[in-house]
């Protein structure tokens, strides 16, 4: 195996279990609901 100095030898770790949840920004949306029109998860 030949490695060059400009090649990155570290691999990214697999995504965490909750990464899929944070990728879903909008969990609920209903413009006709008078109390909650939209529910988003923001942050990590």
N, C-alpha and C. Protein backbone atom coordinates (compact mmCIF):
# COMPACT_ATOMS: atom_id res chain seq x y z
N UNK A 1 0.84 -1.17 0.00
CA UNK A 1 0.00 0.00 0.00
C UNK A 1 0.88 1.23 0.00
N UNK A 2 0.64 2.12 -0.93
CA UNK A 2 1.42 3.35 -1.03
C UNK A 2 0.56 4.53 -0.61
N UNK A 3 1.07 5.34 0.31
CA UNK A 3 0.36 6.52 0.76
C UNK A 3 1.15 7.76 0.38
N UNK A 4 0.44 8.74 -0.08
CA UNK A 4 1.07 10.02 -0.39
C UNK A 4 0.82 10.96 0.77
N UNK A 5 1.65 11.97 0.90
CA UNK A 5 1.54 12.91 2.02
C UNK A 5 0.25 13.71 1.96
N UNK A 6 -0.28 13.92 0.76
CA UNK A 6 -1.50 14.73 0.65
C UNK A 6 -2.78 13.91 0.79
N UNK A 7 -2.67 12.61 0.99
CA UNK A 7 -3.86 11.77 1.17
C UNK A 7 -4.24 11.74 2.65
N UNK A 8 -5.54 11.80 2.90
CA UNK A 8 -6.05 11.72 4.27
C UNK A 8 -6.16 10.24 4.65
N UNK A 9 -5.46 9.84 5.70
CA UNK A 9 -5.45 8.43 6.09
C UNK A 9 -6.52 8.11 7.12
N UNK A 10 -7.16 9.14 7.70
CA UNK A 10 -8.20 8.90 8.69
C UNK A 10 -9.56 8.81 8.00
N UNK A 11 -10.35 7.85 8.45
CA UNK A 11 -11.70 7.70 7.92
C UNK A 11 -12.69 8.34 8.87
N UNK A 12 -13.81 8.82 8.31
CA UNK A 12 -14.85 9.40 9.16
C UNK A 12 -15.55 8.28 9.93
N UNK A 13 -15.90 8.55 11.19
CA UNK A 13 -16.64 7.53 11.95
C UNK A 13 -18.06 7.40 11.39
N UNK A 14 -18.70 6.27 11.62
CA UNK A 14 -20.09 6.11 11.14
C UNK A 14 -21.00 7.11 11.85
N UNK A 15 -22.09 7.51 11.23
CA UNK A 15 -22.99 8.48 11.86
C UNK A 15 -23.63 7.91 13.12
N UNK A 16 -23.89 8.79 14.06
CA UNK A 16 -24.53 8.38 15.32
C UNK A 16 -25.99 8.01 15.06
N UNK A 17 -26.57 7.29 15.98
CA UNK A 17 -27.96 6.83 15.82
C UNK A 17 -28.93 8.00 15.71
N UNK A 18 -28.67 9.08 16.42
CA UNK A 18 -29.58 10.22 16.41
C UNK A 18 -29.35 11.18 15.24
N UNK A 19 -28.35 10.93 14.43
CA UNK A 19 -28.09 11.80 13.29
C UNK A 19 -29.28 11.83 12.33
N UNK A 20 -29.95 10.71 12.18
CA UNK A 20 -31.12 10.67 11.29
C UNK A 20 -32.23 11.56 11.82
N UNK A 21 -32.37 11.64 13.14
CA UNK A 21 -33.41 12.49 13.73
C UNK A 21 -33.10 13.96 13.47
N UNK A 22 -31.84 14.36 13.63
CA UNK A 22 -31.48 15.76 13.42
C UNK A 22 -31.53 16.14 11.95
N UNK A 23 -31.51 15.16 11.07
CA UNK A 23 -31.62 15.44 9.65
C UNK A 23 -33.06 15.73 9.23
N UNK A 24 -34.02 15.46 10.10
CA UNK A 24 -35.42 15.75 9.81
C UNK A 24 -35.80 17.07 10.47
N UNK A 25 -35.64 18.17 9.79
CA UNK A 25 -35.85 19.46 10.45
C UNK A 25 -37.32 19.75 10.77
N UNK A 26 -38.23 19.28 9.95
CA UNK A 26 -39.63 19.60 10.14
C UNK A 26 -40.41 18.35 10.51
N UNK A 27 -40.87 18.28 11.76
CA UNK A 27 -41.59 17.10 12.22
C UNK A 27 -43.10 17.23 12.04
N UNK A 28 -43.59 18.45 12.05
CA UNK A 28 -45.03 18.67 11.95
C UNK A 28 -45.29 19.98 11.25
N UNK A 29 -46.29 20.00 10.35
CA UNK A 29 -46.67 21.24 9.68
C UNK A 29 -48.14 21.16 9.31
N UNK A 30 -48.91 22.12 9.82
CA UNK A 30 -50.33 22.21 9.52
C UNK A 30 -50.74 23.68 9.68
N UNK A 31 -50.92 24.37 8.57
CA UNK A 31 -51.25 25.80 8.62
C UNK A 31 -52.64 26.07 9.20
N UNK A 32 -53.50 25.08 9.18
CA UNK A 32 -54.87 25.27 9.67
C UNK A 32 -55.00 25.08 11.18
N UNK A 33 -53.99 24.55 11.83
CA UNK A 33 -54.02 24.36 13.28
C UNK A 33 -53.82 25.71 13.97
N UNK A 34 -54.74 26.14 14.85
CA UNK A 34 -54.61 27.47 15.47
C UNK A 34 -53.53 27.53 16.56
N UNK A 35 -53.07 26.40 17.08
CA UNK A 35 -52.10 26.41 18.17
C UNK A 35 -50.68 26.14 17.70
N UNK A 36 -50.48 25.10 16.95
CA UNK A 36 -49.14 24.74 16.46
C UNK A 36 -49.22 24.59 14.95
N UNK A 37 -48.59 25.52 14.24
CA UNK A 37 -48.57 25.42 12.79
C UNK A 37 -47.37 24.62 12.30
N UNK A 38 -46.28 24.70 13.04
CA UNK A 38 -45.04 24.05 12.59
C UNK A 38 -44.20 23.67 13.79
N UNK A 39 -43.60 22.48 13.75
CA UNK A 39 -42.73 22.01 14.83
C UNK A 39 -41.41 21.54 14.20
N UNK A 40 -40.32 22.19 14.59
CA UNK A 40 -38.99 21.88 14.06
C UNK A 40 -38.05 21.48 15.19
N UNK A 41 -37.10 20.62 14.89
CA UNK A 41 -35.98 20.34 15.78
C UNK A 41 -34.78 21.11 15.25
N UNK A 42 -34.13 21.86 16.12
CA UNK A 42 -32.98 22.65 15.71
C UNK A 42 -31.84 22.38 16.68
N UNK A 43 -30.65 22.19 16.14
CA UNK A 43 -29.48 22.01 16.98
C UNK A 43 -28.96 20.60 16.97
N UNK A 44 -28.00 20.38 17.81
CA UNK A 44 -27.38 19.07 17.94
C UNK A 44 -27.08 18.80 19.38
